[in-house]
């Protein structure tokens, strides 16, 4: 991999910069992000009051444009017109990277469709921060973001995720954290492990790993642990163990498969050997695949 180099950013006109900002600790702002925020013509922010605090801390004074969930489509058109007129604009969210479970994706899509150059300015990420310090060893992960607020929709979503063989990463709000982990234990299985990462990079940063079946009790034992912003890492579903079939049972199965249709061979093999029909059926499919 090519070694990174430190280069002074050269501001380009008629560009949207997607700028990651700290998720809690202001010290996590990058030098490049500060240079961009100081240099652009305007800053599009999820909450202009919140972003004003960040800018004031670093002595940056800029015009701001509000871009939030309820006006994102309209704001995208305003930004498009300004950038087409030659301005450069930085897009920020309250914390982390725009468009990742935060406003920004619609703006980026509209501008890219219009041929505008979009430049990422990477930085702090709650997802990556949680994964890096969790000790989870699964080889991959799926970032789900926030689950539906409705209990029935949340459980339906979890059911669809149940069989995935890698870590599931969720965001969750404090007022739903208890019911969410309860649904996870019910749908995903209490034997799976969860890492609860709370208030990352802030004063009360907490990491707690336990079985999903124990997560609700841990949260309810101390209401302070139900406060703040959460990243939840649910480890991969355990691999389904193959049923152990004796050599004798397999010989019977092979003999019957050579003479009979699969279902009939499995049924007779189960009657002869006493092995469960489902286990023999799975093995019969594997044998047929090898032959084919």
Protein backbone atom coordinates (compact mmCIF):
# COMPACT_ATOMS: atom_id res chain seq x y z
CA UNK A 1 0.00 0.00 0.00
CA UNK A 2 1.28 3.48 -0.86
CA UNK A 3 2.45 5.43 2.18
CA UNK A 4 0.26 8.48 2.99
CA UNK A 5 1.80 11.90 2.49
CA UNK A 6 1.02 15.24 4.10
CA UNK A 7 -0.08 17.76 1.50
CA UNK A 8 -1.54 21.21 1.93
CA UNK A 9 -5.05 21.11 0.45
CA UNK A 10 -5.53 23.26 -2.61
CA UNK A 11 -9.10 24.51 -2.59
CA UNK A 12 -10.94 23.89 -5.84
CA UNK A 13 -13.85 26.07 -6.89
CA UNK A 14 -17.26 24.58 -7.75
CA UNK A 15 -16.77 21.60 -5.45
CA UNK A 16 -18.69 20.03 -2.58
CA UNK A 17 -16.44 18.85 0.24
CA UNK A 18 -17.99 16.17 2.48
CA UNK A 19 -16.23 16.86 5.77
CA UNK A 20 -16.17 14.47 8.73
CA UNK A 21 -16.22 16.20 12.13
CA UNK A 22 -15.54 14.87 15.66
CA UNK A 23 -18.05 12.47 17.20
CA UNK A 24 -17.43 13.85 20.69
CA UNK A 25 -13.85 14.92 21.27
CA UNK A 26 -12.92 18.14 19.44
CA UNK A 27 -9.31 16.97 19.36
CA UNK A 28 -10.29 14.43 16.69
CA UNK A 29 -10.76 17.10 14.00
CA UNK A 30 -8.23 16.61 11.20
CA UNK A 31 -5.83 19.27 9.94
CA UNK A 32 -7.24 18.83 6.46
CA UNK A 33 -10.81 19.34 7.70
CA UNK A 34 -9.81 22.58 9.42
CA UNK A 35 -8.09 23.87 6.27
CA UNK A 36 -11.17 23.10 4.18
CA UNK A 37 -13.61 24.67 6.65
CA UNK A 38 -11.49 27.84 6.75
CA UNK A 39 -11.26 28.07 2.96
CA UNK A 40 -14.73 27.30 1.55
CA UNK A 41 -17.29 29.95 0.65
CA UNK A 42 -19.98 28.45 2.91
CA UNK A 43 -20.71 25.49 5.18
CA UNK A 44 -23.87 23.38 4.83
CA UNK A 45 -24.69 22.02 8.29
CA UNK A 46 -27.26 19.68 9.82
CA UNK A 47 -27.70 22.05 12.79
CA UNK A 48 -26.15 25.48 12.28
CA UNK A 49 -26.15 26.20 16.03
CA UNK A 50 -24.29 22.99 16.78
CA UNK A 51 -21.75 23.60 14.01
CA UNK A 52 -21.30 27.19 15.19
CA UNK A 53 -19.87 25.79 18.43
CA UNK A 54 -17.33 23.73 16.50
CA UNK A 55 -16.35 26.68 14.29
CA UNK A 56 -16.09 29.11 17.20
CA UNK A 57 -13.77 26.72 19.04
CA UNK A 58 -11.33 26.82 16.12
CA UNK A 59 -11.81 30.50 15.33
CA UNK A 60 -13.59 29.94 12.01
CA UNK A 61 -16.22 32.38 10.76
CA UNK A 62 -18.31 31.25 7.81
CA UNK A 63 -21.78 31.65 6.34
CA UNK A 64 -23.88 28.56 7.03
CA UNK A 65 -26.75 26.86 5.24
CA UNK A 66 -29.11 24.52 7.10
CA UNK A 67 -29.34 21.02 5.61
CA UNK A 68 -31.37 18.59 7.70
CA UNK A 69 -33.70 15.60 7.24
CA UNK A 70 -36.77 17.75 6.54
CA UNK A 71 -35.30 20.07 3.90
CA UNK A 72 -32.55 18.01 2.28
CA UNK A 73 -34.08 17.84 -1.19
CA UNK A 74 -34.71 21.59 -1.33
CA UNK A 75 -31.30 22.38 0.17
CA UNK A 76 -29.63 20.20 -2.45
CA UNK A 77 -31.01 22.49 -5.17
CA UNK A 78 -29.78 25.59 -3.35
CA UNK A 79 -26.29 24.10 -2.98
CA UNK A 80 -26.30 23.01 -6.61
CA UNK A 81 -27.05 26.54 -7.81
CA UNK A 82 -24.33 28.05 -5.61
CA UNK A 83 -21.71 25.52 -6.66
CA UNK A 84 -22.63 25.90 -10.33
CA UNK A 85 -22.05 29.63 -9.81
CA UNK A 86 -18.47 28.81 -8.78
CA UNK A 87 -18.63 28.51 -5.00
CA UNK A 88 -17.00 25.77 -2.96
CA UNK A 89 -19.08 24.41 -0.07
CA UNK A 90 -18.30 22.10 2.85
CA UNK A 91 -21.05 19.72 3.98
CA UNK A 92 -20.95 18.69 7.65
CA UNK A 93 -23.25 16.89 10.05
CA UNK A 94 -23.52 17.27 13.82
CA UNK A 95 -20.98 14.49 14.42
CA UNK A 96 -19.09 12.10 12.18
CA UNK A 97 -19.51 11.80 8.43
CA UNK A 98 -22.49 13.22 6.48
CA UNK A 99 -24.68 10.61 4.82
CA UNK A 100 -23.85 7.83 7.31
CA UNK A 101 -27.12 7.61 9.28
CA UNK A 102 -27.15 11.42 9.04
CA UNK A 103 -28.33 13.92 6.41
CA UNK A 104 -26.09 14.28 3.37
CA UNK A 105 -26.69 11.33 1.08
CA UNK A 106 -29.48 13.08 -0.87
CA UNK A 107 -27.35 16.20 -1.32
CA UNK A 108 -24.38 14.18 -2.57
CA UNK A 109 -26.58 12.19 -4.97
CA UNK A 110 -28.23 15.28 -6.47
CA UNK A 111 -24.91 17.05 -6.97
CA UNK A 112 -23.16 14.01 -8.45
CA UNK A 113 -26.07 13.49 -10.86
CA UNK A 114 -25.59 17.10 -11.94
CA UNK A 115 -21.90 16.52 -12.62
CA UNK A 116 -20.55 18.34 -9.57
CA UNK A 117 -17.25 17.12 -8.12
CA UNK A 118 -17.67 15.73 -4.60
CA UNK A 119 -14.52 15.35 -2.46
CA UNK A 120 -14.51 13.33 0.81
CA UNK A 121 -12.55 14.71 3.77
CA UNK A 122 -12.46 11.63 6.06
CA UNK A 123 -12.20 11.69 9.82
CA UNK A 124 -13.76 10.32 12.98
CA UNK A 125 -16.26 7.46 12.58
CA UNK A 126 -18.32 5.94 15.39
CA UNK A 127 -18.60 2.65 13.49
CA UNK A 128 -14.87 2.22 12.98
CA UNK A 129 -14.01 3.51 16.46
CA UNK A 130 -16.32 0.94 18.05
CA UNK A 131 -15.06 -1.94 15.90
CA UNK A 132 -11.39 -1.10 16.46
CA UNK A 133 -11.65 -1.21 20.26
CA UNK A 134 -14.21 -4.01 20.61
CA UNK A 135 -12.04 -7.09 20.16
CA UNK A 136 -14.58 -8.55 17.72
CA UNK A 137 -12.69 -10.96 15.46
CA UNK A 138 -15.28 -11.70 12.76
CA UNK A 139 -13.85 -11.20 9.28
CA UNK A 140 -16.52 -8.78 8.09
CA UNK A 141 -19.36 -6.57 9.23
CA UNK A 142 -22.61 -5.04 7.99
CA UNK A 143 -23.44 -1.51 9.05
CA UNK A 144 -27.20 -1.36 9.59
CA UNK A 145 -27.49 2.04 11.27
CA UNK A 146 -30.65 2.80 13.24
CA UNK A 147 -33.31 0.10 13.46
CA UNK A 148 -36.97 1.10 12.85
CA UNK A 149 -38.65 2.81 15.80
CA UNK A 150 -41.73 0.57 15.47
CA UNK A 151 -41.37 -2.64 17.46
CA UNK A 152 -42.93 -4.82 14.77
CA UNK A 153 -40.79 -3.31 12.00
CA UNK A 154 -37.68 -3.60 14.16
CA UNK A 155 -38.30 -7.30 14.77
CA UNK A 156 -38.98 -7.86 11.07
CA UNK A 157 -35.67 -6.20 10.17
CA UNK A 158 -33.79 -8.28 12.73
CA UNK A 159 -35.39 -11.46 11.38
CA UNK A 160 -34.07 -10.62 7.91
CA UNK A 161 -30.57 -10.12 9.36
CA UNK A 162 -30.55 -13.25 11.50
CA UNK A 163 -28.64 -15.59 9.20
CA UNK A 164 -25.81 -13.21 8.21
CA UNK A 165 -22.41 -14.71 9.05
CA UNK A 166 -20.65 -11.51 10.11
CA UNK A 167 -20.87 -8.79 12.74
CA UNK A 168 -23.97 -6.57 12.67
CA UNK A 169 -23.36 -2.92 13.58
CA UNK A 170 -26.24 -0.74 14.78
CA UNK A 171 -26.73 2.79 16.07
CA UNK A 172 -29.34 3.24 18.76
CA UNK A 173 -30.92 6.08 20.71
CA UNK A 174 -31.08 6.05 24.54
CA UNK A 175 -34.88 5.93 24.71
CA UNK A 176 -34.96 2.71 22.63
CA UNK A 177 -31.80 0.95 23.77
CA UNK A 178 -33.43 -1.46 26.25
CA UNK A 179 -36.25 -2.62 23.97
CA UNK A 180 -33.82 -2.94 21.05
CA UNK A 181 -31.41 -5.27 22.84
CA UNK A 182 -34.39 -7.25 24.15
CA UNK A 183 -35.64 -7.76 20.58
CA UNK A 184 -32.12 -8.65 19.45
CA UNK A 185 -31.87 -11.37 22.09
CA UNK A 186 -35.26 -12.77 21.06
CA UNK A 187 -34.72 -12.68 17.30
CA UNK A 188 -30.96 -13.13 16.89
CA UNK A 189 -30.46 -15.49 19.81
CA UNK A 190 -29.35 -14.85 23.38
CA UNK A 191 -26.18 -16.93 22.93
CA UNK A 192 -24.66 -14.36 20.56
CA UNK A 193 -22.32 -11.78 22.06
CA UNK A 194 -22.92 -8.05 21.90
CA UNK A 195 -20.53 -5.18 22.48
CA UNK A 196 -22.27 -2.06 23.76
CA UNK A 197 -20.16 1.00 22.92
CA UNK A 198 -21.52 4.16 24.53
CA UNK A 199 -20.51 7.82 24.34
CA UNK A 200 -17.43 7.15 22.19
CA UNK A 201 -14.55 9.65 22.61
CA UNK A 202 -16.46 11.45 25.38
CA UNK A 203 -15.91 11.63 29.14
CA UNK A 204 -18.12 8.65 29.97
CA UNK A 205 -17.03 6.38 27.11
CA UNK A 206 -18.02 2.80 27.91
CA UNK A 207 -17.40 -0.59 26.32
CA UNK A 208 -19.29 -3.60 27.66
CA UNK A 209 -19.33 -7.07 26.09
CA UNK A 210 -21.77 -9.76 27.18
CA UNK A 211 -24.24 -12.32 25.87
CA UNK A 212 -27.30 -10.81 24.24
CA UNK A 213 -29.39 -12.62 26.84
CA UNK A 214 -27.64 -10.56 29.57
CA UNK A 215 -27.62 -7.17 27.85
CA UNK A 216 -31.03 -5.94 29.02
CA UNK A 217 -30.27 -6.73 32.67
CA UNK A 218 -26.92 -4.92 32.46
CA UNK A 219 -28.55 -1.79 31.06
CA UNK A 220 -31.37 -1.85 33.61
CA UNK A 221 -28.96 -2.36 36.54
CA UNK A 222 -27.60 1.17 36.07
CA UNK A 223 -29.77 3.75 34.32
CA UNK A 224 -26.65 5.84 33.61
CA UNK A 225 -25.72 3.15 31.08
CA UNK A 226 -28.89 3.97 29.15
CA UNK A 227 -27.75 7.54 28.44
CA UNK A 228 -25.92 8.93 25.44
CA UNK A 229 -25.29 7.62 21.96
CA UNK A 230 -24.79 3.92 21.25
CA UNK A 231 -23.01 1.72 18.76
CA UNK A 232 -24.05 -1.93 19.13
CA UNK A 233 -21.89 -4.72 17.69
CA UNK A 234 -23.61 -8.10 17.51
CA UNK A 235 -21.20 -10.87 16.63
CA UNK A 236 -21.88 -13.23 13.75
CA UNK A 237 -24.44 -16.01 13.93
CA UNK A 238 -22.77 -19.25 15.00
CA UNK A 239 -21.99 -21.58 12.13
CA UNK A 240 -24.53 -24.38 11.81
CA UNK A 241 -22.84 -27.61 12.77
CA UNK A 242 -23.13 -30.45 10.30
CA UNK A 243 -24.91 -33.45 11.69
CA UNK A 244 -22.66 -36.40 12.47
CA UNK A 245 -23.72 -39.36 10.31
CA UNK A 246 -22.07 -42.70 10.91
CA UNK A 247 -20.16 -44.47 8.13
CA UNK A 248 -22.75 -47.25 8.20
CA UNK A 249 -25.66 -44.81 7.78
CA UNK A 250 -23.87 -43.10 4.89
CA UNK A 251 -23.27 -46.46 3.16
CA UNK A 252 -26.98 -47.25 3.36
CA UNK A 253 -27.82 -43.78 2.04
CA UNK A 254 -25.44 -44.08 -0.92
CA UNK A 255 -26.79 -47.51 -1.83
CA UNK A 256 -30.37 -46.31 -1.76
CA UNK A 257 -29.58 -43.12 -3.69
CA UNK A 258 -28.11 -45.22 -6.48
CA UNK A 259 -31.47 -46.99 -6.97
CA UNK A 260 -34.19 -44.61 -5.76
CA UNK A 261 -35.30 -40.95 -6.01
CA UNK A 262 -33.75 -38.75 -3.32
CA UNK A 263 -36.78 -38.35 -1.05
CA UNK A 264 -37.59 -42.05 -1.10
CA UNK A 265 -33.94 -42.98 -0.46
CA UNK A 266 -33.79 -40.63 2.52
CA UNK A 267 -37.04 -41.98 3.96
CA UNK A 268 -35.87 -45.60 3.78
CA UNK A 269 -32.39 -44.73 5.09
CA UNK A 270 -33.98 -43.02 8.11
CA UNK A 271 -36.14 -46.10 8.81
CA UNK A 272 -33.16 -48.46 8.52
CA UNK A 273 -30.57 -46.41 10.46
CA UNK A 274 -32.64 -44.38 12.91
CA UNK A 275 -30.87 -41.17 11.83
CA UNK A 276 -33.05 -38.07 11.57
CA UNK A 277 -34.59 -37.58 8.15
CA UNK A 278 -33.54 -33.91 7.94
CA UNK A 279 -29.90 -34.79 8.63
CA UNK A 280 -29.94 -37.52 5.99
CA UNK A 281 -31.63 -35.18 3.52
CA UNK A 282 -28.87 -32.57 3.92
CA UNK A 283 -26.20 -35.25 3.41
CA UNK A 284 -28.06 -36.66 0.40
CA UNK A 285 -28.06 -33.23 -1.25
CA UNK A 286 -24.29 -32.96 -0.71
CA UNK A 287 -23.75 -36.41 -2.24
CA UNK A 288 -25.92 -35.55 -5.24
CA UNK A 289 -23.95 -32.34 -5.81
CA UNK A 290 -20.69 -34.29 -5.90
CA UNK A 291 -22.12 -36.71 -8.45
CA UNK A 292 -23.54 -33.92 -10.63
